[in-house]
């Protein structure tokens, strides 16, 4: 054991110290330095355990890295509904409230529905078309009010420009922008001789929410 300690704590000779540019230390100071170094490097072992450990195998000294504090990324918050309303982001300018401007949108919507229903053929089941329309995006559809508790809404027909949870915004052929509430109204959508009816009181959802909603078939629905 003493021989191993002598090897471990062997001091540099004058020639070795000069060659490696190391300050010469006495054997006692060298031993004290090594003990202090091992204590810093292996803090969980006592002095006795450290010496016992060195006799049996080589030791890989631990290297402690300073952990940098994690910086929390700030999530960018979008505008609230009130902020969007205050900024009037979804308002349609009066000079753009023209029926003819949105006819190309209606043509795109018809092609979208045809693709969605795999082609509207005469033998296509109406129930399948109805189920597809309930979950489809209706922006660009020509929509009509067939029933309503408010008589002034009945007969209003136009291209659907905006849909919210509670209202449809429709541009008529007379270039009038109408805001029709869904509540207490029945709407009709016609495409390629197929007519689908929507009960607005059961349709009070945002368009993005309807795609995941399951609609139940009911025999009669009150306004």
Protein backbone atom coordinates (compact mmCIF):
# COMPACT_ATOMS: atom_id res chain seq x y z
CA UNK A 1 0.00 0.00 0.00
CA UNK A 2 2.79 2.39 0.86
CA UNK A 3 4.44 1.71 -2.48
CA UNK A 4 1.21 2.58 -4.37
CA UNK A 5 0.83 5.82 -2.38
CA UNK A 6 4.45 6.69 -3.16
CA UNK A 7 3.76 6.21 -6.86
CA UNK A 8 0.57 8.26 -6.75
CA UNK A 9 2.06 11.12 -4.77
CA UNK A 10 5.50 11.06 -6.38
CA UNK A 11 6.86 14.57 -6.70
CA UNK A 12 8.33 15.95 -9.90
CA UNK A 13 12.08 16.01 -10.06
CA UNK A 14 13.77 19.32 -10.75
CA UNK A 15 14.24 18.34 -14.40
CA UNK A 16 10.59 17.23 -14.81
CA UNK A 17 9.25 20.37 -13.16
CA UNK A 18 11.35 22.57 -15.42
CA UNK A 19 10.37 20.59 -18.50
CA UNK A 20 6.62 20.89 -17.78
CA UNK A 21 6.84 24.41 -16.40
CA UNK A 22 5.43 23.30 -13.04
CA UNK A 23 6.27 24.79 -9.70
CA UNK A 24 8.26 22.37 -7.58
CA UNK A 25 6.49 21.08 -4.50
CA UNK A 26 7.68 19.01 -1.64
CA UNK A 27 6.25 15.51 -1.20
CA UNK A 28 3.99 16.64 1.64
CA UNK A 29 2.66 19.62 -0.30
CA UNK A 30 2.15 17.45 -3.37
CA UNK A 31 0.24 14.91 -1.30
CA UNK A 32 -1.92 17.64 0.22
CA UNK A 33 -2.66 19.05 -3.23
CA UNK A 34 -3.73 15.63 -4.58
CA UNK A 35 -5.96 14.97 -1.56
CA UNK A 36 -7.63 18.36 -1.95
CA UNK A 37 -8.08 17.83 -5.67
CA UNK A 38 -9.67 14.42 -5.13
CA UNK A 39 -11.98 15.83 -2.46
CA UNK A 40 -13.24 18.46 -4.88
CA UNK A 41 -13.56 15.99 -7.75
CA UNK A 42 -15.18 13.14 -5.78
CA UNK A 43 -17.15 14.95 -3.07
CA UNK A 44 -19.43 11.99 -2.27
CA UNK A 45 -16.52 9.78 -1.11
CA UNK A 46 -14.73 10.11 2.19
CA UNK A 47 -10.92 10.21 2.34
CA UNK A 48 -10.74 6.57 3.42
CA UNK A 49 -13.17 5.42 0.72
CA UNK A 50 -11.26 7.42 -1.86
CA UNK A 51 -7.95 5.75 -0.99
CA UNK A 52 -9.63 2.33 -0.97
CA UNK A 53 -11.19 3.09 -4.31
CA UNK A 54 -7.88 4.11 -5.84
CA UNK A 55 -6.25 0.85 -4.83
CA UNK A 56 -8.71 -1.26 -6.83
CA UNK A 57 -9.35 0.55 -10.08
CA UNK A 58 -8.86 3.70 -12.07
CA UNK A 59 -11.21 6.56 -11.30
CA UNK A 60 -12.88 8.81 -13.85
CA UNK A 61 -13.11 12.15 -12.16
CA UNK A 62 -16.53 13.76 -12.34
CA UNK A 63 -17.03 16.91 -14.31
CA UNK A 64 -19.77 19.18 -13.12
CA UNK A 65 -21.28 21.46 -15.71
CA UNK A 66 -23.22 24.53 -14.79
CA UNK A 67 -26.75 24.18 -15.94
CA UNK A 68 -28.02 27.25 -17.66
CA UNK A 69 -31.41 28.40 -16.46
CA UNK A 70 -34.09 27.52 -18.96
CA UNK A 71 -35.58 30.53 -20.60
CA UNK A 72 -39.30 30.20 -20.98
CA UNK A 73 -40.43 31.09 -24.46
CA UNK A 74 -43.22 33.58 -24.45
CA UNK A 75 -46.12 32.40 -26.54
CA UNK A 76 -47.41 35.06 -28.83
CA UNK A 77 -51.03 35.66 -28.03
CA UNK A 78 -53.41 36.39 -30.85
CA UNK A 79 -55.99 39.12 -30.83
CA UNK A 80 -59.02 38.60 -28.65
CA UNK A 81 -62.54 38.66 -30.09
CA UNK A 82 -63.11 42.11 -28.57
CA UNK A 83 -59.89 43.45 -30.11
CA UNK A 84 -60.90 42.09 -33.52
CA UNK A 85 -64.28 43.76 -33.21
CA UNK A 86 -62.74 47.06 -32.13
CA UNK A 87 -60.34 46.94 -35.10
CA UNK A 88 -63.26 46.04 -37.40
CA UNK A 89 -61.17 43.37 -39.11
CA UNK A 90 -64.14 41.51 -40.55
CA UNK A 91 -66.16 44.47 -41.73
CA UNK A 92 -66.81 44.58 -45.48
CA UNK A 93 -66.27 48.01 -47.00
CA UNK A 94 -69.37 49.52 -48.66
CA UNK A 95 -67.62 49.79 -52.03
CA UNK A 96 -66.98 46.02 -51.90
CA UNK A 97 -70.57 45.10 -51.09
CA UNK A 98 -71.44 44.06 -54.64
CA UNK A 99 -73.06 40.78 -55.60
CA UNK A 100 -71.10 40.46 -58.84
CA UNK A 101 -67.77 40.53 -56.97
CA UNK A 102 -68.63 37.28 -55.16
CA UNK A 103 -69.98 35.25 -58.06
CA UNK A 104 -66.50 33.67 -58.64
CA UNK A 105 -66.53 32.67 -54.95
CA UNK A 106 -69.89 30.94 -55.51
CA UNK A 107 -68.48 29.01 -58.48
CA UNK A 108 -65.54 27.86 -56.35
CA UNK A 109 -67.92 26.77 -53.62
CA UNK A 110 -70.00 24.68 -56.04
CA UNK A 111 -66.89 22.89 -57.27
CA UNK A 112 -65.81 22.34 -53.66
CA UNK A 113 -69.16 20.68 -52.84
CA UNK A 114 -69.06 18.53 -55.98
CA UNK A 115 -65.61 17.27 -55.02
CA UNK A 116 -66.74 16.75 -51.42
CA UNK A 117 -69.72 14.63 -52.53
CA UNK A 118 -67.72 12.79 -55.22
CA UNK A 119 -69.87 14.30 -57.94
CA UNK A 120 -73.54 15.24 -57.61
CA UNK A 121 -75.20 12.58 -59.74
CA UNK A 122 -78.99 12.13 -60.10
CA UNK A 123 -78.83 8.85 -58.12
CA UNK A 124 -76.86 10.38 -55.24
CA UNK A 125 -78.58 9.86 -51.89
CA UNK A 126 -79.98 13.18 -50.53
CA UNK A 127 -79.14 12.08 -46.98
CA UNK A 128 -75.46 11.85 -47.93
CA UNK A 129 -75.49 15.36 -49.43
CA UNK A 130 -77.28 16.70 -46.35
CA UNK A 131 -74.68 15.15 -44.03
CA UNK A 132 -71.83 16.59 -46.09
CA UNK A 133 -73.34 20.09 -46.20
CA UNK A 134 -73.87 20.19 -42.44
CA UNK A 135 -70.10 19.88 -41.94
CA UNK A 136 -68.95 21.77 -45.04
CA UNK A 137 -67.73 25.34 -45.30
CA UNK A 138 -70.70 27.36 -46.56
CA UNK A 139 -68.89 30.57 -47.49
CA UNK A 140 -69.84 31.23 -51.11
CA UNK A 141 -73.12 29.28 -51.06
CA UNK A 142 -76.35 30.85 -52.26
CA UNK A 143 -78.60 30.67 -49.23
CA UNK A 144 -82.29 31.57 -48.81
CA UNK A 145 -84.48 32.13 -45.76
CA UNK A 146 -87.58 29.94 -46.15
CA UNK A 147 -89.10 30.26 -42.66
CA UNK A 148 -88.60 32.67 -39.80
CA UNK A 149 -90.44 34.04 -36.80
CA UNK A 150 -89.54 37.46 -38.22
CA UNK A 151 -91.52 37.83 -41.50
CA UNK A 152 -89.09 40.41 -42.93
CA UNK A 153 -86.36 37.75 -43.18
CA UNK A 154 -88.42 35.32 -45.25
CA UNK A 155 -87.40 35.35 -48.92
CA UNK A 156 -83.99 36.94 -48.41
CA UNK A 157 -81.57 35.24 -50.82
CA UNK A 158 -77.90 35.86 -51.54
CA UNK A 159 -74.32 34.65 -51.36
CA UNK A 160 -73.07 33.81 -47.89
CA UNK A 161 -70.06 36.01 -47.13
CA UNK A 162 -69.50 35.47 -43.42
CA UNK A 163 -70.69 32.97 -40.85
CA UNK A 164 -70.38 33.40 -37.12
CA UNK A 165 -71.79 31.34 -34.29
CA UNK A 166 -75.12 33.16 -34.34
CA UNK A 167 -75.55 34.93 -37.71
CA UNK A 168 -75.17 34.63 -41.48
CA UNK A 169 -74.02 37.67 -43.48
CA UNK A 170 -75.52 37.55 -46.98
CA UNK A 171 -75.03 39.80 -50.02
CA UNK A 172 -78.20 40.00 -52.15
CA UNK A 173 -78.51 40.61 -55.89
CA UNK A 174 -79.51 44.18 -55.05
CA UNK A 175 -76.05 44.64 -53.43
CA UNK A 176 -77.53 44.80 -49.93
CA UNK A 177 -75.61 43.21 -47.07
CA UNK A 178 -78.06 41.39 -44.81
CA UNK A 179 -77.28 40.05 -41.34
CA UNK A 180 -79.64 37.15 -40.63
CA UNK A 181 -79.70 35.49 -37.20
CA UNK A 182 -79.65 31.71 -37.19
CA UNK A 183 -82.07 31.50 -34.29
CA UNK A 184 -85.70 30.88 -35.29
CA UNK A 185 -84.88 30.68 -39.02
CA UNK A 186 -84.85 27.88 -41.61
CA UNK A 187 -82.41 28.23 -44.52
CA UNK A 188 -82.35 26.50 -47.90
CA UNK A 189 -79.20 25.79 -49.93
CA UNK A 190 -79.56 24.65 -53.54
CA UNK A 191 -76.86 23.16 -55.74
CA UNK A 192 -77.34 21.20 -58.97
CA UNK A 193 -81.11 20.65 -58.30
CA UNK A 194 -80.43 19.37 -54.78
CA UNK A 195 -82.04 21.40 -51.98
CA UNK A 196 -80.85 21.09 -48.40
CA UNK A 197 -82.58 22.71 -45.42
CA UNK A 198 -80.77 24.02 -42.37
CA UNK A 199 -82.53 24.73 -39.07
CA UNK A 200 -80.63 27.69 -37.71
CA UNK A 201 -81.63 27.08 -34.08
CA UNK A 202 -79.73 23.74 -34.23
CA UNK A 203 -76.92 25.24 -36.29
CA UNK A 204 -75.51 27.78 -33.84
CA UNK A 205 -71.89 26.76 -34.21
CA UNK A 206 -68.82 28.28 -35.79
CA UNK A 207 -67.91 26.79 -39.15
CA UNK A 208 -64.66 25.41 -37.69
CA UNK A 209 -66.62 23.58 -34.96
CA UNK A 210 -69.15 21.96 -37.26
CA UNK A 211 -66.62 19.63 -38.91
CA UNK A 212 -66.26 17.65 -35.67
CA UNK A 213 -69.91 17.84 -34.62
CA UNK A 214 -72.31 14.91 -34.97
CA UNK A 215 -75.78 15.98 -36.10
CA UNK A 216 -78.69 13.70 -35.25
CA UNK A 217 -81.51 13.16 -37.72
CA UNK A 218 -84.83 14.26 -36.24
CA UNK A 219 -88.31 13.91 -37.68
CA UNK A 220 -89.60 17.37 -36.80
CA UNK A 221 -87.78 20.42 -35.51
CA UNK A 222 -89.50 23.51 -34.17
CA UNK A 223 -88.29 26.99 -35.01
